[in-house]
Amino acid sequence: PGPVKEDGTVVKCVNLGWGVFNAA
């Protein structure tokens, strides 16, 4: 639930507490 770049990098998921990192 948040913006994701083509390489799988999550650009913050506030609802999950995630910052910026490559989730893939």
PDBML (XML) file of the C-alpha atoms, coordinates in Angstrom:
<?xml version="1.0" encoding="UTF-8" ?>
<PDBx:datablock datablockName="MODEL"
   xmlns:PDBx="http://pdbml.pdb.org/schema/pdbx-v50.xsd"
   xmlns:xsi="http://www.w3.org/2001/XMLSchema-instance"
   xsi:schemaLocation="http://pdbml.pdb.org/schema/pdbx-v50.xsd pdbx-v50.xsd">
   <PDBx:atom_siteCategory>
      <PDBx:atom_site id="1">
         <PDBx:B_iso_or_equiv>0.00</PDBx:B_iso_or_equiv>
         <PDBx:Cartn_x>0.000</PDBx:Cartn_x>
         <PDBx:Cartn_y>0.000</PDBx:Cartn_y>
         <PDBx:Cartn_z>0.000</PDBx:Cartn_z>
         <PDBx:auth_asym_id>A</PDBx:auth_asym_id>
         <PDBx:auth_atom_id>CA</PDBx:auth_atom_id>
         <PDBx:auth_comp_id>PRO</PDBx:auth_comp_id>
         <PDBx:auth_seq_id>1</PDBx:auth_seq_id>
         <PDBx:group_PDB>ATOM</PDBx:group_PDB>
         <PDBx:label_alt_id xsi:nil="true" />
         <PDBx:label_asym_id>A</PDBx:label_asym_id>
         <PDBx:label_atom_id>CA</PDBx:label_atom_id>
         <PDBx:label_comp_id>PRO</PDBx:label_comp_id>
         <PDBx:label_entity_id>1</PDBx:label_entity_id>
         <PDBx:label_seq_id>1</PDBx:label_seq_id>
         <PDBx:occupancy>1.00</PDBx:occupancy>
         <PDBx:pdbx_PDB_model_num>1</PDBx:pdbx_PDB_model_num>
         <PDBx:type_symbol>C</PDBx:type_symbol>
      </PDBx:atom_site>
      <PDBx:atom_site id="2">
         <PDBx:B_iso_or_equiv>0.00</PDBx:B_iso_or_equiv>
         <PDBx:Cartn_x>2.287</PDBx:Cartn_x>
         <PDBx:Cartn_y>2.730</PDBx:Cartn_y>
         <PDBx:Cartn_z>-1.286</PDBx:Cartn_z>
         <PDBx:auth_asym_id>A</PDBx:auth_asym_id>
         <PDBx:auth_atom_id>CA</PDBx:auth_atom_id>
         <PDBx:auth_comp_id>GLY</PDBx:auth_comp_id>
         <PDBx:auth_seq_id>2</PDBx:auth_seq_id>
         <PDBx:group_PDB>ATOM</PDBx:group_PDB>
         <PDBx:label_alt_id xsi:nil="true" />
         <PDBx:label_asym_id>A</PDBx:label_asym_id>
         <PDBx:label_atom_id>CA</PDBx:label_atom_id>
         <PDBx:label_comp_id>GLY</PDBx:label_comp_id>
         <PDBx:label_entity_id>1</PDBx:label_entity_id>
         <PDBx:label_seq_id>2</PDBx:label_seq_id>
         <PDBx:occupancy>1.00</PDBx:occupancy>
         <PDBx:pdbx_PDB_model_num>1</PDBx:pdbx_PDB_model_num>
         <PDBx:type_symbol>C</PDBx:type_symbol>
      </PDBx:atom_site>
      <PDBx:atom_site id="3">
         <PDBx:B_iso_or_equiv>0.00</PDBx:B_iso_or_equiv>
         <PDBx:Cartn_x>4.338</PDBx:Cartn_x>
         <PDBx:Cartn_y>3.914</PDBx:Cartn_y>
         <PDBx:Cartn_z>-4.272</PDBx:Cartn_z>
         <PDBx:auth_asym_id>A</PDBx:auth_asym_id>
         <PDBx:auth_atom_id>CA</PDBx:auth_atom_id>
         <PDBx:auth_comp_id>PRO</PDBx:auth_comp_id>
         <PDBx:auth_seq_id>3</PDBx:auth_seq_id>
         <PDBx:group_PDB>ATOM</PDBx:group_PDB>
         <PDBx:label_alt_id xsi:nil="true" />
         <PDBx:label_asym_id>A</PDBx:label_asym_id>
         <PDBx:label_atom_id>CA</PDBx:label_atom_id>
         <PDBx:label_comp_id>PRO</PDBx:label_comp_id>
         <PDBx:label_entity_id>1</PDBx:label_entity_id>
         <PDBx:label_seq_id>3</PDBx:label_seq_id>
         <PDBx:occupancy>1.00</PDBx:occupancy>
         <PDBx:pdbx_PDB_model_num>1</PDBx:pdbx_PDB_model_num>
         <PDBx:type_symbol>C</PDBx:type_symbol>
      </PDBx:atom_site>
      <PDBx:atom_site id="4">
         <PDBx:B_iso_or_equiv>0.00</PDBx:B_iso_or_equiv>
         <PDBx:Cartn_x>6.785</PDBx:Cartn_x>
         <PDBx:Cartn_y>1.360</PDBx:Cartn_y>
         <PDBx:Cartn_z>-5.690</PDBx:Cartn_z>
         <PDBx:auth_asym_id>A</PDBx:auth_asym_id>
         <PDBx:auth_atom_id>CA</PDBx:auth_atom_id>
         <PDBx:auth_comp_id>VAL</PDBx:auth_comp_id>
         <PDBx:auth_seq_id>4</PDBx:auth_seq_id>
         <PDBx:group_PDB>ATOM</PDBx:group_PDB>
         <PDBx:label_alt_id xsi:nil="true" />
         <PDBx:label_asym_id>A</PDBx:label_asym_id>
         <PDBx:label_atom_id>CA</PDBx:label_atom_id>
         <PDBx:label_comp_id>VAL</PDBx:label_comp_id>
         <PDBx:label_entity_id>1</PDBx:label_entity_id>
         <PDBx:label_seq_id>4</PDBx:label_seq_id>
         <PDBx:occupancy>1.00</PDBx:occupancy>
         <PDBx:pdbx_PDB_model_num>1</PDBx:pdbx_PDB_model_num>
         <PDBx:type_symbol>C</PDBx:type_symbol>
      </PDBx:atom_site>
      <PDBx:atom_site id="5">
         <PDBx:B_iso_or_equiv>0.00</PDBx:B_iso_or_equiv>
         <PDBx:Cartn_x>9.458</PDBx:Cartn_x>
         <PDBx:Cartn_y>1.941</PDBx:Cartn_y>
         <PDBx:Cartn_z>-8.324</PDBx:Cartn_z>
         <PDBx:auth_asym_id>A</PDBx:auth_asym_id>
         <PDBx:auth_atom_id>CA</PDBx:auth_atom_id>
         <PDBx:auth_comp_id>LYS</PDBx:auth_comp_id>
         <PDBx:auth_seq_id>5</PDBx:auth_seq_id>
         <PDBx:group_PDB>ATOM</PDBx:group_PDB>
         <PDBx:label_alt_id xsi:nil="true" />
         <PDBx:label_asym_id>A</PDBx:label_asym_id>
         <PDBx:label_atom_id>CA</PDBx:label_atom_id>
         <PDBx:label_comp_id>LYS</PDBx:label_comp_id>
         <PDBx:label_entity_id>1</PDBx:label_entity_id>
         <PDBx:label_seq_id>5</PDBx:label_seq_id>
         <PDBx:occupancy>1.00</PDBx:occupancy>
         <PDBx:pdbx_PDB_model_num>1</PDBx:pdbx_PDB_model_num>
         <PDBx:type_symbol>C</PDBx:type_symbol>
      </PDBx:atom_site>
      <PDBx:atom_site id="6">
         <PDBx:B_iso_or_equiv>0.00</PDBx:B_iso_or_equiv>
         <PDBx:Cartn_x>9.985</PDBx:Cartn_x>
         <PDBx:Cartn_y>-0.473</PDBx:Cartn_y>
         <PDBx:Cartn_z>-11.196</PDBx:Cartn_z>
         <PDBx:auth_asym_id>A</PDBx:auth_asym_id>
         <PDBx:auth_atom_id>CA</PDBx:auth_atom_id>
         <PDBx:auth_comp_id>GLU</PDBx:auth_comp_id>
         <PDBx:auth_seq_id>6</PDBx:auth_seq_id>
         <PDBx:group_PDB>ATOM</PDBx:group_PDB>
         <PDBx:label_alt_id xsi:nil="true" />
         <PDBx:label_asym_id>A</PDBx:label_asym_id>
         <PDBx:label_atom_id>CA</PDBx:label_atom_id>
         <PDBx:label_comp_id>GLU</PDBx:label_comp_id>
         <PDBx:label_entity_id>1</PDBx:label_entity_id>
         <PDBx:label_seq_id>6</PDBx:label_seq_id>
         <PDBx:occupancy>1.00</PDBx:occupancy>
         <PDBx:pdbx_PDB_model_num>1</PDBx:pdbx_PDB_model_num>
         <PDBx:type_symbol>C</PDBx:type_symbol>
      </PDBx:atom_site>
      <PDBx:atom_site id="7">
         <PDBx:B_iso_or_equiv>0.00</PDBx:B_iso_or_equiv>
         <PDBx:Cartn_x>12.958</PDBx:Cartn_x>
         <PDBx:Cartn_y>-2.143</PDBx:Cartn_y>
         <PDBx:Cartn_z>-9.498</PDBx:Cartn_z>
         <PDBx:auth_asym_id>A</PDBx:auth_asym_id>
         <PDBx:auth_atom_id>CA</PDBx:auth_atom_id>
         <PDBx:auth_comp_id>ASP</PDBx:auth_comp_id>
         <PDBx:auth_seq_id>7</PDBx:auth_seq_id>
         <PDBx:group_PDB>ATOM</PDBx:group_PDB>
         <PDBx:label_alt_id xsi:nil="true" />
         <PDBx:label_asym_id>A</PDBx:label_asym_id>
         <PDBx:label_atom_id>CA</PDBx:label_atom_id>
         <PDBx:label_comp_id>ASP</PDBx:label_comp_id>
         <PDBx:label_entity_id>1</PDBx:label_entity_id>
         <PDBx:label_seq_id>7</PDBx:label_seq_id>
         <PDBx:occupancy>1.00</PDBx:occupancy>
         <PDBx:pdbx_PDB_model_num>1</PDBx:pdbx_PDB_model_num>
         <PDBx:type_symbol>C</PDBx:type_symbol>
      </PDBx:atom_site>
      <PDBx:atom_site id="8">
         <PDBx:B_iso_or_equiv>0.00</PDBx:B_iso_or_equiv>
         <PDBx:Cartn_x>10.864</PDBx:Cartn_x>
         <PDBx:Cartn_y>-3.004</PDBx:Cartn_y>
         <PDBx:Cartn_z>-6.420</PDBx:Cartn_z>
         <PDBx:auth_asym_id>A</PDBx:auth_asym_id>
         <PDBx:auth_atom_id>CA</PDBx:auth_atom_id>
         <PDBx:auth_comp_id>GLY</PDBx:auth_comp_id>
         <PDBx:auth_seq_id>8</PDBx:auth_seq_id>
         <PDBx:group_PDB>ATOM</PDBx:group_PDB>
         <PDBx:label_alt_id xsi:nil="true" />
         <PDBx:label_asym_id>A</PDBx:label_asym_id>
         <PDBx:label_atom_id>CA</PDBx:label_atom_id>
         <PDBx:label_comp_id>GLY</PDBx:label_comp_id>
         <PDBx:label_entity_id>1</PDBx:label_entity_id>
         <PDBx:label_seq_id>8</PDBx:label_seq_id>
         <PDBx:occupancy>1.00</PDBx:occupancy>
         <PDBx:pdbx_PDB_model_num>1</PDBx:pdbx_PDB_model_num>
         <PDBx:type_symbol>C</PDBx:type_symbol>
      </PDBx:atom_site>
      <PDBx:atom_site id="9">
         <PDBx:B_iso_or_equiv>0.00</PDBx:B_iso_or_equiv>
         <PDBx:Cartn_x>11.941</PDBx:Cartn_x>
         <PDBx:Cartn_y>-0.066</PDBx:Cartn_y>
         <PDBx:Cartn_z>-4.281</PDBx:Cartn_z>
         <PDBx:auth_asym_id>A</PDBx:auth_asym_id>
         <PDBx:auth_atom_id>CA</PDBx:auth_atom_id>
         <PDBx:auth_comp_id>THR</PDBx:auth_comp_id>
         <PDBx:auth_seq_id>9</PDBx:auth_seq_id>
         <PDBx:group_PDB>ATOM</PDBx:group_PDB>
         <PDBx:label_alt_id xsi:nil="true" />
         <PDBx:label_asym_id>A</PDBx:label_asym_id>
         <PDBx:label_atom_id>CA</PDBx:label_atom_id>
         <PDBx:label_comp_id>THR</PDBx:label_comp_id>
         <PDBx:label_entity_id>1</PDBx:label_entity_id>
         <PDBx:label_seq_id>9</PDBx:label_seq_id>
         <PDBx:occupancy>1.00</PDBx:occupancy>
         <PDBx:pdbx_PDB_model_num>1</PDBx:pdbx_PDB_model_num>
         <PDBx:type_symbol>C</PDBx:type_symbol>
      </PDBx:atom_site>
      <PDBx:atom_site id="10">
         <PDBx:B_iso_or_equiv>0.00</PDBx:B_iso_or_equiv>
         <PDBx:Cartn_x>9.173</PDBx:Cartn_x>
         <PDBx:Cartn_y>0.978</PDBx:Cartn_y>
         <PDBx:Cartn_z>-1.895</PDBx:Cartn_z>
         <PDBx:auth_asym_id>A</PDBx:auth_asym_id>
         <PDBx:auth_atom_id>CA</PDBx:auth_atom_id>
         <PDBx:auth_comp_id>VAL</PDBx:auth_comp_id>
         <PDBx:auth_seq_id>10</PDBx:auth_seq_id>
         <PDBx:group_PDB>ATOM</PDBx:group_PDB>
         <PDBx:label_alt_id xsi:nil="true" />
         <PDBx:label_asym_id>A</PDBx:label_asym_id>
         <PDBx:label_atom_id>CA</PDBx:label_atom_id>
         <PDBx:label_comp_id>VAL</PDBx:label_comp_id>
         <PDBx:label_entity_id>1</PDBx:label_entity_id>
         <PDBx:label_seq_id>10</PDBx:label_seq_id>
         <PDBx:occupancy>1.00</PDBx:occupancy>
         <PDBx:pdbx_PDB_model_num>1</PDBx:pdbx_PDB_model_num>
         <PDBx:type_symbol>C</PDBx:type_symbol>
      </PDBx:atom_site>
      <PDBx:atom_site id="11">
         <PDBx:B_iso_or_equiv>0.00</PDBx:B_iso_or_equiv>
         <PDBx:Cartn_x>8.907</PDBx:Cartn_x>
         <PDBx:Cartn_y>4.768</PDBx:Cartn_y>
         <PDBx:Cartn_z>-1.533</PDBx:Cartn_z>
         <PDBx:auth_asym_id>A</PDBx:auth_asym_id>
         <PDBx:auth_atom_id>CA</PDBx:auth_atom_id>
         <PDBx:auth_comp_id>VAL</PDBx:auth_comp_id>
         <PDBx:auth_seq_id>11</PDBx:auth_seq_id>
         <PDBx:group_PDB>ATOM</PDBx:group_PDB>
         <PDBx:label_alt_id xsi:nil="true" />
         <PDBx:label_asym_id>A</PDBx:label_asym_id>
         <PDBx:label_atom_id>CA</PDBx:label_atom_id>
         <PDBx:label_comp_id>VAL</PDBx:label_comp_id>
         <PDBx:label_entity_id>1</PDBx:label_entity_id>
         <PDBx:label_seq_id>11</PDBx:label_seq_id>
         <PDBx:occupancy>1.00</PDBx:occupancy>
         <PDBx:pdbx_PDB_model_num>1</PDBx:pdbx_PDB_model_num>
         <PDBx:type_symbol>C</PDBx:type_symbol>
      </PDBx:atom_site>
      <PDBx:atom_site id="12">
         <PDBx:B_iso_or_equiv>0.00</PDBx:B_iso_or_equiv>
         <PDBx:Cartn_x>7.449</PDBx:Cartn_x>
         <PDBx:Cartn_y>4.793</PDBx:Cartn_y>
         <PDBx:Cartn_z>1.990</PDBx:Cartn_z>
         <PDBx:auth_asym_id>A</PDBx:auth_asym_id>
         <PDBx:auth_atom_id>CA</PDBx:auth_atom_id>
         <PDBx:auth_comp_id>LYS</PDBx:auth_comp_id>
         <PDBx:auth_seq_id>12</PDBx:auth_seq_id>
         <PDBx:group_PDB>ATOM</PDBx:group_PDB>
         <PDBx:label_alt_id xsi:nil="true" />
         <PDBx:label_asym_id>A</PDBx:label_asym_id>
         <PDBx:label_atom_id>CA</PDBx:label_atom_id>
         <PDBx:label_comp_id>LYS</PDBx:label_comp_id>
         <PDBx:label_entity_id>1</PDBx:label_entity_id>
         <PDBx:label_seq_id>12</PDBx:label_seq_id>
         <PDBx:occupancy>1.00</PDBx:occupancy>
         <PDBx:pdbx_PDB_model_num>1</PDBx:pdbx_PDB_model_num>
         <PDBx:type_symbol>C</PDBx:type_symbol>
      </PDBx:atom_site>
      <PDBx:atom_site id="13">
         <PDBx:B_iso_or_equiv>0.00</PDBx:B_iso_or_equiv>
         <PDBx:Cartn_x>4.398</PDBx:Cartn_x>
         <PDBx:Cartn_y>2.824</PDBx:Cartn_y>
         <PDBx:Cartn_z>3.145</PDBx:Cartn_z>
         <PDBx:auth_asym_id>A</PDBx:auth_asym_id>
         <PDBx:auth_atom_id>CA</PDBx:auth_atom_id>
         <PDBx:auth_comp_id>CYS</PDBx:auth_comp_id>
         <PDBx:auth_seq_id>13</PDBx:auth_seq_id>
         <PDBx:group_PDB>ATOM</PDBx:group_PDB>
         <PDBx:label_alt_id xsi:nil="true" />
         <PDBx:label_asym_id>A</PDBx:label_asym_id>
         <PDBx:label_atom_id>CA</PDBx:label_atom_id>
         <PDBx:label_comp_id>CYS</PDBx:label_comp_id>
         <PDBx:label_entity_id>1</PDBx:label_entity_id>
         <PDBx:label_seq_id>13</PDBx:label_seq_id>
         <PDBx:occupancy>1.00</PDBx:occupancy>
         <PDBx:pdbx_PDB_model_num>1</PDBx:pdbx_PDB_model_num>
         <PDBx:type_symbol>C</PDBx:type_symbol>
      </PDBx:atom_site>
      <PDBx:atom_site id="14">
         <PDBx:B_iso_or_equiv>0.00</PDBx:B_iso_or_equiv>
         <PDBx:Cartn_x>3.065</PDBx:Cartn_x>
         <PDBx:Cartn_y>4.876</PDBx:Cartn_y>
         <PDBx:Cartn_z>6.031</PDBx:Cartn_z>
         <PDBx:auth_asym_id>A</PDBx:auth_asym_id>
         <PDBx:auth_atom_id>CA</PDBx:auth_atom_id>
         <PDBx:auth_comp_id>VAL</PDBx:auth_comp_id>
         <PDBx:auth_seq_id>14</PDBx:auth_seq_id>
         <PDBx:group_PDB>ATOM</PDBx:group_PDB>
         <PDBx:label_alt_id xsi:nil="true" />
         <PDBx:label_asym_id>A</PDBx:label_asym_id>
         <PDBx:label_atom_id>CA</PDBx:label_atom_id>
         <PDBx:label_comp_id>VAL</PDBx:label_comp_id>
         <PDBx:label_entity_id>1</PDBx:label_entity_id>
         <PDBx:label_seq_id>14</PDBx:label_seq_id>
         <PDBx:occupancy>1.00</PDBx:occupancy>
         <PDBx:pdbx_PDB_model_num>1</PDBx:pdbx_PDB_model_num>
         <PDBx:type_symbol>C</PDBx:type_symbol>
      </PDBx:atom_site>
      <PDBx:atom_site id="15">
         <PDBx:B_iso_or_equiv>0.00</PDBx:B_iso_or_equiv>
         <PDBx:Cartn_x>0.458</PDBx:Cartn_x>
         <PDBx:Cartn_y>2.279</PDBx:Cartn_y>
         <PDBx:Cartn_z>7.065</PDBx:Cartn_z>
         <PDBx:auth_asym_id>A</PDBx:auth_asym_id>
         <PDBx:auth_atom_id>CA</PDBx:auth_atom_id>
         <PDBx:auth_comp_id>ASN</PDBx:auth_comp_id>
         <PDBx:auth_seq_id>15</PDBx:auth_seq_id>
         <PDBx:group_PDB>ATOM</PDBx:group_PDB>
         <PDBx:label_alt_id xsi:nil="true" />
         <PDBx:label_asym_id>A</PDBx:label_asym_id>
         <PDBx:label_atom_id>CA</PDBx:label_atom_id>
         <PDBx:label_comp_id>ASN</PDBx:label_comp_id>
         <PDBx:label_entity_id>1</PDBx:label_entity_id>
         <PDBx:label_seq_id>15</PDBx:label_seq_id>
         <PDBx:occupancy>1.00</PDBx:occupancy>
         <PDBx:pdbx_PDB_model_num>1</PDBx:pdbx_PDB_model_num>
         <PDBx:type_symbol>C</PDBx:type_symbol>
      </PDBx:atom_site>
      <PDBx:atom_site id="16">
         <PDBx:B_iso_or_equiv>0.00</PDBx:B_iso_or_equiv>
         <PDBx:Cartn_x>3.151</PDBx:Cartn_x>
         <PDBx:Cartn_y>-0.384</PDBx:Cartn_y>
         <PDBx:Cartn_z>7.392</PDBx:Cartn_z>
         <PDBx:auth_asym_id>A</PDBx:auth_asym_id>
         <PDBx:auth_atom_id>CA</PDBx:auth_atom_id>
         <PDBx:auth_comp_id>LEU</PDBx:auth_comp_id>
         <PDBx:auth_seq_id>16</PDBx:auth_seq_id>
         <PDBx:group_PDB>ATOM</PDBx:group_PDB>
         <PDBx:label_alt_id xsi:nil="true" />
         <PDBx:label_asym_id>A</PDBx:label_asym_id>
         <PDBx:label_atom_id>CA</PDBx:label_atom_id>
         <PDBx:label_comp_id>LEU</PDBx:label_comp_id>
         <PDBx:label_entity_id>1</PDBx:label_entity_id>
         <PDBx:label_seq_id>16</PDBx:label_seq_id>
         <PDBx:occupancy>1.00</PDBx:occupancy>
         <PDBx:pdbx_PDB_model_num>1</PDBx:pdbx_PDB_model_num>
         <PDBx:type_symbol>C</PDBx:type_symbol>
      </PDBx:atom_site>
      <PDBx:atom_site id="17">
         <PDBx:B_iso_or_equiv>0.00</PDBx:B_iso_or_equiv>
         <PDBx:Cartn_x>5.805</PDBx:Cartn_x>
         <PDBx:Cartn_y>1.798</PDBx:Cartn_y>
         <PDBx:Cartn_z>8.994</PDBx:Cartn_z>
         <PDBx:auth_asym_id>A</PDBx:auth_asym_id>
         <PDBx:auth_atom_id>CA</PDBx:auth_atom_id>
         <PDBx:auth_comp_id>GLY</PDBx:auth_comp_id>
         <PDBx:auth_seq_id>17</PDBx:auth_seq_id>
         <PDBx:group_PDB>ATOM</PDBx:group_PDB>
         <PDBx:label_alt_id xsi:nil="true" />
         <PDBx:label_asym_id>A</PDBx:label_asym_id>
         <PDBx:label_atom_id>CA</PDBx:label_atom_id>
         <PDBx:label_comp_id>GLY</PDBx:label_comp_id>
         <PDBx:label_entity_id>1</PDBx:label_entity_id>
         <PDBx:label_seq_id>17</PDBx:label_seq_id>
         <PDBx:occupancy>1.00</PDBx:occupancy>
         <PDBx:pdbx_PDB_model_num>1</PDBx:pdbx_PDB_model_num>
         <PDBx:type_symbol>C</PDBx:type_symbol>
      </PDBx:atom_site>
      <PDBx:atom_site id="18">
         <PDBx:B_iso_or_equiv>0.00</PDBx:B_iso_or_equiv>
         <PDBx:Cartn_x>8.151</PDBx:Cartn_x>
         <PDBx:Cartn_y>1.273</PDBx:Cartn_y>
         <PDBx:Cartn_z>6.034</PDBx:Cartn_z>
         <PDBx:auth_asym_id>A</PDBx:auth_asym_id>
         <PDBx:auth_atom_id>CA</PDBx:auth_atom_id>
         <PDBx:auth_comp_id>TRP</PDBx:auth_comp_id>
         <PDBx:auth_seq_id>18</PDBx:auth_seq_id>
         <PDBx:group_PDB>ATOM</PDBx:group_PDB>
         <PDBx:label_alt_id xsi:nil="true" />
         <PDBx:label_asym_id>A</PDBx:label_asym_id>
         <PDBx:label_atom_id>CA</PDBx:label_atom_id>
         <PDBx:label_comp_id>TRP</PDBx:label_comp_id>
         <PDBx:label_entity_id>1</PDBx:label_entity_id>
         <PDBx:label_seq_id>18</PDBx:label_seq_id>
         <PDBx:occupancy>1.00</PDBx:occupancy>
         <PDBx:pdbx_PDB_model_num>1</PDBx:pdbx_PDB_model_num>
         <PDBx:type_symbol>C</PDBx:type_symbol>
      </PDBx:atom_site>
      <PDBx:atom_site id="19">
         <PDBx:B_iso_or_equiv>0.00</PDBx:B_iso_or_equiv>
         <PDBx:Cartn_x>10.591</PDBx:Cartn_x>
         <PDBx:Cartn_y>3.861</PDBx:Cartn_y>
         <PDBx:Cartn_z>4.765</PDBx:Cartn_z>
         <PDBx:auth_asym_id>A</PDBx:auth_asym_id>
         <PDBx:auth_atom_id>CA</PDBx:auth_atom_id>
         <PDBx:auth_comp_id>GLY</PDBx:auth_comp_id>
         <PDBx:auth_seq_id>19</PDBx:auth_seq_id>
         <PDBx:group_PDB>ATOM</PDBx:group_PDB>
         <PDBx:label_alt_id xsi:nil="true" />
         <PDBx:label_asym_id>A</PDBx:label_asym_id>
         <PDBx:label_atom_id>CA</PDBx:label_atom_id>
         <PDBx:label_comp_id>GLY</PDBx:label_comp_id>
         <PDBx:label_entity_id>1</PDBx:label_entity_id>
         <PDBx:label_seq_id>19</PDBx:label_seq_id>
         <PDBx:occupancy>1.00</PDBx:occupancy>
         <PDBx:pdbx_PDB_model_num>1</PDBx:pdbx_PDB_model_num>
         <PDBx:type_symbol>C</PDBx:type_symbol>
      </PDBx:atom_site>
      <PDBx:atom_site id="20">
         <PDBx:B_iso_or_equiv>0.00</PDBx:B_iso_or_equiv>
         <PDBx:Cartn_x>12.497</PDBx:Cartn_x>
         <PDBx:Cartn_y>3.624</PDBx:Cartn_y>
         <PDBx:Cartn_z>1.467</PDBx:Cartn_z>
         <PDBx:auth_asym_id>A</PDBx:auth_asym_id>
         <PDBx:auth_atom_id>CA</PDBx:auth_atom_id>
         <PDBx:auth_comp_id>VAL</PDBx:auth_comp_id>
         <PDBx:auth_seq_id>20</PDBx:auth_seq_id>
         <PDBx:group_PDB>ATOM</PDBx:group_PDB>
         <PDBx:label_alt_id xsi:nil="true" />
         <PDBx:label_asym_id>A</PDBx:label_asym_id>
         <PDBx:label_atom_id>CA</PDBx:label_atom_id>
         <PDBx:label_comp_id>VAL</PDBx:label_comp_id>
         <PDBx:label_entity_id>1</PDBx:label_entity_id>
         <PDBx:label_seq_id>20</PDBx:label_seq_id>
         <PDBx:occupancy>1.00</PDBx:occupancy>
         <PDBx:pdbx_PDB_model_num>1</PDBx:pdbx_PDB_model_num>
         <PDBx:type_symbol>C</PDBx:type_symbol>
      </PDBx:atom_site>
      <PDBx:atom_site id="21">
         <PDBx:B_iso_or_equiv>0.00</PDBx:B_iso_or_equiv>
         <PDBx:Cartn_x>14.041</PDBx:Cartn_x>
         <PDBx:Cartn_y>0.231</PDBx:Cartn_y>
         <PDBx:Cartn_z>0.650</PDBx:Cartn_z>
         <PDBx:auth_asym_id>A</PDBx:auth_asym_id>
         <PDBx:auth_atom_id>CA</PDBx:auth_atom_id>
         <PDBx:auth_comp_id>PHE</PDBx:auth_comp_id>
         <PDBx:auth_seq_id>21</PDBx:auth_seq_id>
         <PDBx:group_PDB>ATOM</PDBx:group_PDB>
         <PDBx:label_alt_id xsi:nil="true" />
         <PDBx:label_asym_id>A</PDBx:label_asym_id>
         <PDBx:label_atom_id>CA</PDBx:label_atom_id>
         <PDBx:label_comp_id>PHE</PDBx:label_comp_id>
         <PDBx:label_entity_id>1</PDBx:label_entity_id>
         <PDBx:label_seq_id>21</PDBx:label_seq_id>
         <PDBx:occupancy>1.00</PDBx:occupancy>
         <PDBx:pdbx_PDB_model_num>1</PDBx:pdbx_PDB_model_num>
         <PDBx:type_symbol>C</PDBx:type_symbol>
      </PDBx:atom_site>
      <PDBx:atom_site id="22">
         <PDBx:B_iso_or_equiv>0.00</PDBx:B_iso_or_equiv>
         <PDBx:Cartn_x>14.039</PDBx:Cartn_x>
         <PDBx:Cartn_y>-2.443</PDBx:Cartn_y>
         <PDBx:Cartn_z>-2.035</PDBx:Cartn_z>
         <PDBx:auth_asym_id>A</PDBx:auth_asym_id>
         <PDBx:auth_atom_id>CA</PDBx:auth_atom_id>
         <PDBx:auth_comp_id>ASN</PDBx:auth_comp_id>
         <PDBx:auth_seq_id>22</PDBx:auth_seq_id>
         <PDBx:group_PDB>ATOM</PDBx:group_PDB>
         <PDBx:label_alt_id xsi:nil="true" />
         <PDBx:label_asym_id>A</PDBx:label_asym_id>
         <PDBx:label_atom_id>CA</PDBx:label_atom_id>
         <PDBx:label_comp_id>ASN</PDBx:label_comp_id>
         <PDBx:label_entity_id>1</PDBx:label_entity_id>
         <PDBx:label_seq_id>22</PDBx:label_seq_id>
         <PDBx:occupancy>1.00</PDBx:occupancy>
         <PDBx:pdbx_PDB_model_num>1</PDBx:pdbx_PDB_model_num>
         <PDBx:type_symbol>C</PDBx:type_symbol>
      </PDBx:atom_site>
      <PDBx:atom_site id="23">
         <PDBx:B_iso_or_equiv>0.00</PDBx:B_iso_or_equiv>
         <PDBx:Cartn_x>11.347</PDBx:Cartn_x>
         <PDBx:Cartn_y>-4.891</PDBx:Cartn_y>
         <PDBx:Cartn_z>-0.894</PDBx:Cartn_z>
         <PDBx:auth_asym_id>A</PDBx:auth_asym_id>
         <PDBx:auth_atom_id>CA</PDBx:auth_atom_id>
         <PDBx:auth_comp_id>ALA</PDBx:auth_comp_id>
         <PDBx:auth_seq_id>23</PDBx:auth_seq_id>
         <PDBx:group_PDB>ATOM</PDBx:group_PDB>
         <PDBx:label_alt_id xsi:nil="true" />
         <PDBx:label_asym_id>A</PDBx:label_asym_id>
         <PDBx:label_atom_id>CA</PDBx:label_atom_id>
         <PDBx:label_comp_id>ALA</PDBx:label_comp_id>
         <PDBx:label_entity_id>1</PDBx:label_entity_id>
         <PDBx:label_seq_id>23</PDBx:label_seq_id>
         <PDBx:occupancy>1.00</PDBx:occupancy>
         <PDBx:pdbx_PDB_model_num>1</PDBx:pdbx_PDB_model_num>
         <PDBx:type_symbol>C</PDBx:type_symbol>
      </PDBx:atom_site>
      <PDBx:atom_site id="24">
         <PDBx:B_iso_or_equiv>0.00</PDBx:B_iso_or_equiv>
         <PDBx:Cartn_x>11.798</PDBx:Cartn_x>
         <PDBx:Cartn_y>-7.125</PDBx:Cartn_y>
         <PDBx:Cartn_z>-3.956</PDBx:Cartn_z>
         <PDBx:auth_asym_id>A</PDBx:auth_asym_id>
         <PDBx:auth_atom_id>CA</PDBx:auth_atom_id>
         <PDBx:auth_comp_id>ALA</PDBx:auth_comp_id>
         <PDBx:auth_seq_id>24</PDBx:auth_seq_id>
         <PDBx:group_PDB>ATOM</PDBx:group_PDB>
         <PDBx:label_alt_id xsi:nil="true" />
         <PDBx:label_asym_id>A</PDBx:label_asym_id>
         <PDBx:label_atom_id>CA</PDBx:label_atom_id>
         <PDBx:label_comp_id>ALA</PDBx:label_comp_id>
         <PDBx:label_entity_id>1</PDBx:label_entity_id>
         <PDBx:label_seq_id>24</PDBx:label_seq_id>
         <PDBx:occupancy>1.00</PDBx:occupancy>
         <PDBx:pdbx_PDB_model_num>1</PDBx:pdbx_PDB_model_num>
         <PDBx:type_symbol>C</PDBx:type_symbol>
      </PDBx:atom_site>
   </PDBx:atom_siteCategory>
</PDBx:datablock>
